[in-house]
């Protein structure tokens, strides 16, 4: 994945916000149109018309119920094996042990969650489960630098 990727994926976390904030992971089914994601550098936690936190996406790993893993993409520096092992552990604990029957998942391993207040300007909830915004205008490569720049701004940009 190119270092020039400055995409922020804004994901509706109305049901999983606590898990994201507590564990620095976002977990979703591995299959299905709503769960297909474009490669993105940043993750935005969306709930109640606002992106309240933004984080670097360290890695995205597919974890199958047979415990096999596939590294999909990422920007973290720890190495694929580390992220695959971490994703497997999280999937076992937070999904496979709780779902009957368990399903294959994608695990987004996130960096530090930085507080912000990036508000949706249009009426109604997020269309679908996610939306993408280009962050290249901020000319930075870390969510910690973007978060304050987004504070009290609105999207989508018109």
Protein backbone atom coordinates (compact mmCIF):
# COMPACT_ATOMS: atom_id res chain seq x y z
CA UNK A 1 0.00 0.00 0.00
CA UNK A 2 1.29 3.41 -0.91
CA UNK A 3 2.41 5.87 1.75
CA UNK A 4 0.51 8.48 -0.27
CA UNK A 5 -2.82 6.95 0.78
CA UNK A 6 -4.54 9.59 2.90
CA UNK A 7 -8.00 8.07 3.00
CA UNK A 8 -10.12 8.21 6.15
CA UNK A 9 -12.75 5.50 6.40
CA UNK A 10 -15.61 6.70 8.59
CA UNK A 11 -17.34 3.65 10.05
CA UNK A 12 -20.67 3.59 11.85
CA UNK A 13 -19.76 2.22 15.27
CA UNK A 14 -23.08 2.81 17.00
CA UNK A 15 -23.11 -0.79 18.27
CA UNK A 16 -19.38 -1.32 18.75
CA UNK A 17 -18.00 2.03 19.95
CA UNK A 18 -17.17 0.78 23.45
CA UNK A 19 -15.25 -2.19 22.05
CA UNK A 20 -13.32 0.06 19.65
CA UNK A 21 -12.44 2.51 22.43
CA UNK A 22 -11.55 -0.17 24.99
CA UNK A 23 -9.58 -2.53 22.73
CA UNK A 24 -8.39 -0.37 19.82
CA UNK A 25 -9.89 -2.81 17.32
CA UNK A 26 -12.86 -2.78 14.99
CA UNK A 27 -14.26 -6.17 14.00
CA UNK A 28 -16.72 -6.84 11.19
CA UNK A 29 -17.82 -9.82 9.10
CA UNK A 30 -15.29 -10.80 6.46
CA UNK A 31 -17.93 -11.12 3.74
CA UNK A 32 -20.74 -8.93 2.47
CA UNK A 33 -20.99 -5.74 0.44
CA UNK A 34 -21.32 -3.48 3.48
CA UNK A 35 -18.09 -4.95 4.83
CA UNK A 36 -15.92 -4.48 1.77
CA UNK A 37 -13.45 -1.71 2.58
CA UNK A 38 -11.11 0.34 0.45
CA UNK A 39 -7.55 0.42 1.70
CA UNK A 40 -7.36 3.39 4.04
CA UNK A 41 -4.74 4.90 6.32
CA UNK A 42 -7.13 6.30 8.95
CA UNK A 43 -10.16 5.02 10.87
CA UNK A 44 -12.94 7.34 12.05
CA UNK A 45 -15.28 6.19 14.82
CA UNK A 46 -18.73 7.52 13.86
CA UNK A 47 -21.66 7.63 16.26
CA UNK A 48 -24.55 10.09 16.61
CA UNK A 49 -23.69 12.23 13.57
CA UNK A 50 -20.07 12.76 14.65
CA UNK A 51 -16.64 11.22 14.19
CA UNK A 52 -15.50 11.35 17.82
CA UNK A 53 -12.13 9.62 17.41
CA UNK A 54 -9.63 9.04 14.62
CA UNK A 55 -6.78 6.50 14.58
CA UNK A 56 -4.10 5.21 12.26
CA UNK A 57 -4.98 1.82 10.85
CA UNK A 58 -2.04 -0.34 11.90
CA UNK A 59 -3.31 -3.42 10.05
CA UNK A 60 -6.39 -5.14 8.69
CA UNK A 61 -6.36 -8.93 8.99
CA UNK A 62 -8.91 -11.51 7.93
CA UNK A 63 -9.37 -14.23 10.55
CA UNK A 64 -11.20 -17.40 9.59
CA UNK A 65 -13.03 -19.72 11.95
CA UNK A 66 -10.38 -22.39 11.25
CA UNK A 67 -7.88 -19.89 12.81
CA UNK A 68 -6.10 -19.20 9.55
CA UNK A 69 -5.27 -15.53 8.90
CA UNK A 70 -4.62 -13.30 5.92
CA UNK A 71 -2.91 -9.91 6.18
CA UNK A 72 -4.98 -7.56 3.99
CA UNK A 73 -3.22 -4.20 4.41
CA UNK A 74 -1.66 -1.91 6.95
CA UNK A 75 0.72 0.87 7.88
CA UNK A 76 2.01 -0.25 11.27
CA UNK A 77 5.66 -1.13 11.64
CA UNK A 78 5.42 -4.26 13.76
CA UNK A 79 5.33 -6.82 10.94
CA UNK A 80 2.65 -9.03 9.45
CA UNK A 81 3.14 -11.98 11.81
CA UNK A 82 2.62 -9.77 14.87
CA UNK A 83 -0.62 -8.30 13.49
CA UNK A 84 -1.91 -11.69 12.35
CA UNK A 85 -1.32 -13.16 15.83
CA UNK A 86 -2.93 -10.17 17.55
CA UNK A 87 -5.95 -10.32 15.23
CA UNK A 88 -6.36 -14.05 15.88
CA UNK A 89 -6.27 -13.54 19.66
CA UNK A 90 -8.83 -10.72 19.50
CA UNK A 91 -11.14 -12.64 17.17
CA UNK A 92 -11.05 -15.71 19.40
CA UNK A 93 -11.85 -13.68 22.51
CA UNK A 94 -14.38 -11.18 21.20
CA UNK A 95 -16.15 -13.06 18.42
CA UNK A 96 -15.49 -16.78 18.08
CA UNK A 97 -16.20 -17.51 21.76
CA UNK A 98 -19.44 -15.47 21.69
CA UNK A 99 -21.05 -16.31 18.34
CA UNK A 100 -22.84 -19.51 17.55
CA UNK A 101 -21.94 -20.41 14.89
CA UNK A 102 -18.87 -18.18 14.55
CA UNK A 103 -18.19 -16.48 11.21
CA UNK A 104 -15.02 -15.31 9.51
CA UNK A 105 -14.12 -11.72 10.46
CA UNK A 106 -11.94 -8.80 9.51
CA UNK A 107 -10.02 -7.19 12.37
CA UNK A 108 -8.88 -3.59 12.08
CA UNK A 109 -5.99 -3.09 14.51
CA UNK A 110 -5.88 0.57 15.40
CA UNK A 111 -3.27 2.91 16.77
CA UNK A 112 -3.99 5.55 19.40
CA UNK A 113 -7.57 6.82 19.23
CA UNK A 114 -7.37 10.61 19.09
CA UNK A 115 -10.38 12.66 20.17
CA UNK A 116 -11.95 14.98 17.63
CA UNK A 117 -15.38 16.34 16.71
CA UNK A 118 -15.84 15.97 12.96
CA UNK A 119 -19.56 16.44 12.44
CA UNK A 120 -21.78 15.25 9.62
CA UNK A 121 -23.36 18.32 8.04
CA UNK A 122 -26.17 16.66 6.09
CA UNK A 123 -29.40 15.46 7.69
CA UNK A 124 -29.96 11.82 8.48
CA UNK A 125 -27.60 9.11 9.52
CA UNK A 126 -24.58 7.81 7.65
CA UNK A 127 -25.58 6.38 4.28
CA UNK A 128 -24.56 2.74 4.60
CA UNK A 129 -22.04 1.55 7.16
CA UNK A 130 -19.09 3.63 6.00
CA UNK A 131 -17.95 6.66 4.05
CA UNK A 132 -14.54 7.81 2.80
CA UNK A 133 -12.92 11.22 3.06
CA UNK A 134 -9.61 12.37 1.59
CA UNK A 135 -7.25 13.80 4.24
CA UNK A 136 -4.39 14.76 1.88
CA UNK A 137 -5.13 18.50 2.24
CA UNK A 138 -3.80 18.32 5.80
CA UNK A 139 -0.36 17.21 4.57
CA UNK A 140 0.37 14.94 7.55
CA UNK A 141 0.75 11.19 7.96
CA UNK A 142 -0.57 10.58 11.46
CA UNK A 143 -4.07 10.61 12.92
CA UNK A 144 -2.75 12.49 15.95
CA UNK A 145 -2.01 15.47 13.72
CA UNK A 146 -5.29 15.25 11.78
CA UNK A 147 -7.63 15.00 14.80
CA UNK A 148 -7.19 18.62 15.97
CA UNK A 149 -7.53 19.88 12.40
CA UNK A 150 -10.93 18.15 12.10
CA UNK A 151 -12.23 19.47 15.42
CA UNK A 152 -15.50 21.38 14.87
CA UNK A 153 -15.29 20.87 11.09
CA UNK A 154 -18.10 19.27 9.09
CA UNK A 155 -18.32 16.72 6.31
CA UNK A 156 -19.03 15.89 3.59
CA UNK A 157 -17.10 18.73 2.05
CA UNK A 158 -19.18 20.61 -0.51
